[in-house]
């Protein structure tokens, strides 16, 4: 709990009214900050786009957690992390569009062609659990009447809200649990 003493200095009270310590919430907040720095900020700085692309599915859940902590503690650095993650989400999408464009351009260059036409559209995003499903298991083949495995989707949803979860942890769990599917 955040309190102010008589000098006006804001301090954290580690005890609640029952006398038990509430450090666990502060350690969760600290772990969340560390998780964001390790999985988003440092990979962006070192241009590790594969790490950013694998963890992009969890950005929305991290934003929800930060907003929940902000509503409890009202610290401005949490809002900074929220805005940073929103910007990072846009940057990752722009980078993936640019990467897709470059690969398509390289594969479609025709020396006899006089004009190449490029049309930029916005990226259509699925819900994060479906994008993770496609990355881990693959897209169901509609032509062969395949559908999504609801048990896998439920496990992905359940795992997404856990503390300090990464795409790699979800991928490992799903592939180990559903070895016949993956």
Protein backbone atom coordinates (compact mmCIF):
# COMPACT_ATOMS: atom_id res chain seq x y z
CA UNK A 1 0.00 0.00 0.00
CA UNK A 2 1.33 3.44 -0.88
CA UNK A 3 1.28 5.99 1.95
CA UNK A 4 2.82 9.37 2.71
CA UNK A 5 4.61 10.10 5.95
CA UNK A 6 4.60 13.47 7.78
CA UNK A 7 7.51 14.76 5.69
CA UNK A 8 5.51 14.20 2.49
CA UNK A 9 7.70 11.38 1.25
CA UNK A 10 5.77 8.58 -0.43
CA UNK A 11 6.64 5.18 1.01
CA UNK A 12 5.35 1.66 0.62
CA UNK A 13 3.70 0.04 3.61
CA UNK A 14 4.42 -3.66 3.56
CA UNK A 15 1.72 -4.55 6.12
CA UNK A 16 -2.04 -4.68 5.68
CA UNK A 17 -4.68 -4.34 8.42
CA UNK A 18 -4.40 -7.99 9.41
CA UNK A 19 -0.65 -7.60 10.02
CA UNK A 20 0.45 -9.79 7.12
CA UNK A 21 3.02 -8.61 4.64
CA UNK A 22 1.91 -7.73 1.12
CA UNK A 23 5.34 -7.88 -0.50
CA UNK A 24 4.12 -10.47 -3.00
CA UNK A 25 2.25 -7.82 -5.00
CA UNK A 26 5.32 -5.61 -5.18
CA UNK A 27 7.49 -8.54 -6.22
CA UNK A 28 4.94 -9.40 -8.93
CA UNK A 29 5.15 -5.81 -10.14
CA UNK A 30 8.93 -5.96 -10.12
CA UNK A 31 8.89 -9.26 -12.01
CA UNK A 32 6.51 -7.80 -14.59
CA UNK A 33 8.82 -4.83 -15.17
CA UNK A 34 11.80 -7.17 -15.50
CA UNK A 35 9.83 -9.38 -17.87
CA UNK A 36 8.99 -6.42 -20.12
CA UNK A 37 12.57 -5.21 -20.20
CA UNK A 38 13.97 -8.68 -20.89
CA UNK A 39 11.42 -9.75 -23.52
CA UNK A 40 10.66 -6.48 -25.30
CA UNK A 41 12.98 -3.56 -24.62
CA UNK A 42 16.36 -5.33 -24.74
CA UNK A 43 15.48 -7.39 -27.83
CA UNK A 44 14.30 -4.21 -29.57
CA UNK A 45 17.54 -2.45 -28.69
CA UNK A 46 19.63 -5.37 -29.93
CA UNK A 47 17.38 -5.91 -32.97
CA UNK A 48 16.42 -9.45 -32.03
CA UNK A 49 13.25 -9.47 -34.13
CA UNK A 50 12.68 -13.21 -33.68
CA UNK A 51 12.34 -12.73 -29.90
CA UNK A 52 10.00 -9.78 -30.40
CA UNK A 53 7.89 -11.69 -32.94
CA UNK A 54 7.49 -14.66 -30.63
CA UNK A 55 6.48 -12.49 -27.66
CA UNK A 56 4.22 -10.07 -29.55
CA UNK A 57 1.19 -12.21 -28.81
CA UNK A 58 1.49 -11.46 -25.10
CA UNK A 59 1.75 -7.66 -25.36
CA UNK A 60 -1.98 -7.13 -24.81
CA UNK A 61 -1.98 -9.28 -21.68
CA UNK A 62 1.05 -7.41 -20.32
CA UNK A 63 -0.73 -4.11 -20.98
CA UNK A 64 -3.80 -5.36 -19.07
CA UNK A 65 -1.60 -6.37 -16.12
CA UNK A 66 0.18 -3.01 -16.09
CA UNK A 67 -3.13 -1.13 -16.21
CA UNK A 68 -4.46 -3.21 -13.33
CA UNK A 69 -1.35 -2.42 -11.26
CA UNK A 70 -1.61 1.25 -12.23
CA UNK A 71 -5.20 1.35 -10.93
CA UNK A 72 -3.91 -0.02 -7.61
CA UNK A 73 -0.69 2.01 -7.15
CA UNK A 74 -1.00 5.06 -9.45
CA UNK A 75 2.73 5.18 -10.32
CA UNK A 76 3.62 6.99 -13.52
CA UNK A 77 6.28 4.49 -14.60
CA UNK A 78 3.53 1.91 -15.11
CA UNK A 79 1.80 4.22 -17.58
CA UNK A 80 5.14 4.68 -19.32
CA UNK A 81 5.45 0.92 -19.72
CA UNK A 82 1.89 0.74 -21.08
CA UNK A 83 2.59 3.40 -23.70
CA UNK A 84 5.92 1.79 -24.54
CA UNK A 85 4.25 -1.56 -25.17
CA UNK A 86 1.58 0.06 -27.35
CA UNK A 87 4.28 1.72 -29.44
CA UNK A 88 6.25 -1.51 -29.57
CA UNK A 89 3.19 -3.34 -30.90
CA UNK A 90 2.98 -0.87 -33.78
CA UNK A 91 6.72 -1.11 -34.47
CA UNK A 92 6.60 -4.91 -34.60
CA UNK A 93 3.67 -4.82 -37.03
CA UNK A 94 5.43 -2.28 -39.26
CA UNK A 95 8.63 -4.33 -39.22
CA UNK A 96 6.79 -7.52 -40.14
CA UNK A 97 5.00 -5.74 -43.01
CA UNK A 98 8.32 -4.40 -44.27
CA UNK A 99 9.95 -7.81 -43.95
CA UNK A 100 7.08 -9.48 -45.82
CA UNK A 101 7.24 -6.85 -48.53
CA UNK A 102 11.00 -7.30 -48.97
CA UNK A 103 10.75 -11.07 -49.23
CA UNK A 104 7.89 -10.87 -51.73
CA UNK A 105 9.76 -8.26 -53.74
CA UNK A 106 12.89 -10.40 -53.88
CA UNK A 107 10.95 -13.46 -54.98
CA UNK A 108 8.85 -11.68 -57.60
CA UNK A 109 11.50 -9.69 -59.44
CA UNK A 110 11.14 -10.34 -63.14
CA UNK A 111 13.81 -8.93 -65.40
CA UNK A 112 11.36 -8.70 -68.30
CA UNK A 113 8.82 -6.77 -66.24
CA UNK A 114 8.62 -3.03 -66.77
CA UNK A 115 6.26 -2.10 -63.92
CA UNK A 116 5.79 -3.56 -60.46
CA UNK A 117 2.78 -2.46 -58.48
CA UNK A 118 2.73 -2.44 -54.71
CA UNK A 119 -0.38 -1.77 -52.65
CA UNK A 120 -0.07 -1.30 -48.91
CA UNK A 121 -2.89 -2.54 -46.70
CA UNK A 122 -3.22 -2.73 -42.96
CA UNK A 123 -2.42 -6.01 -41.33
CA UNK A 124 -5.36 -8.09 -40.18
CA UNK A 125 -4.72 -9.42 -36.71
CA UNK A 126 -6.45 -12.38 -35.15
CA UNK A 127 -6.99 -12.80 -31.46
CA UNK A 128 -3.64 -13.64 -29.81
CA UNK A 129 -4.63 -17.20 -28.93
CA UNK A 130 -5.45 -17.95 -32.58
CA UNK A 131 -2.18 -16.42 -33.80
CA UNK A 132 -0.30 -18.54 -31.28
CA UNK A 133 -2.27 -21.59 -32.40
CA UNK A 134 -1.21 -20.92 -36.02
CA UNK A 135 2.42 -20.49 -34.97
CA UNK A 136 2.54 -23.63 -32.85
CA UNK A 137 0.15 -26.10 -34.50
CA UNK A 138 -0.52 -24.50 -37.87
CA UNK A 139 -3.68 -23.30 -39.54
CA UNK A 140 -6.54 -25.80 -39.82
CA UNK A 141 -7.20 -26.76 -43.44
CA UNK A 142 -10.68 -25.48 -44.26
CA UNK A 143 -10.78 -27.46 -47.50
CA UNK A 144 -10.53 -30.70 -45.53
CA UNK A 145 -13.06 -29.54 -42.89
CA UNK A 146 -10.44 -29.25 -40.16
CA UNK A 147 -11.27 -27.00 -37.22
CA UNK A 148 -9.45 -25.56 -34.23
CA UNK A 149 -8.80 -27.87 -31.30
CA UNK A 150 -10.72 -26.12 -28.51
CA UNK A 151 -8.64 -27.82 -25.80
CA UNK A 152 -5.47 -26.28 -27.22
CA UNK A 153 -7.12 -22.86 -27.48
CA UNK A 154 -8.30 -23.11 -23.86
CA UNK A 155 -4.79 -24.05 -22.71
CA UNK A 156 -3.29 -21.14 -24.63
CA UNK A 157 -5.84 -18.74 -23.08
CA UNK A 158 -5.12 -20.12 -19.61
CA UNK A 159 -1.35 -19.87 -20.07
CA UNK A 160 -1.46 -16.34 -21.52
CA UNK A 161 -2.64 -14.81 -18.24
CA UNK A 162 0.05 -16.41 -16.10
CA UNK A 163 2.84 -14.30 -14.64
CA UNK A 164 6.14 -14.21 -16.55
CA UNK A 165 4.86 -16.32 -19.42
CA UNK A 166 6.58 -16.26 -22.79
CA UNK A 167 5.64 -17.62 -26.18
CA UNK A 168 8.39 -20.23 -25.90
CA UNK A 169 6.96 -21.59 -22.62
CA UNK A 170 3.50 -21.82 -24.20
CA UNK A 171 4.92 -23.52 -27.32
CA UNK A 172 6.81 -26.09 -25.25
CA UNK A 173 3.76 -26.86 -23.10
CA UNK A 174 1.43 -27.27 -26.08
CA UNK A 175 3.85 -29.43 -28.08
CA UNK A 176 4.54 -31.65 -25.08
CA UNK A 177 0.88 -31.95 -24.09
CA UNK A 178 -0.51 -32.48 -27.58
CA UNK A 179 2.27 -34.46 -29.25
CA UNK A 180 -0.13 -36.05 -31.72
CA UNK A 181 -1.28 -32.61 -32.97
CA UNK A 182 2.03 -30.70 -33.09
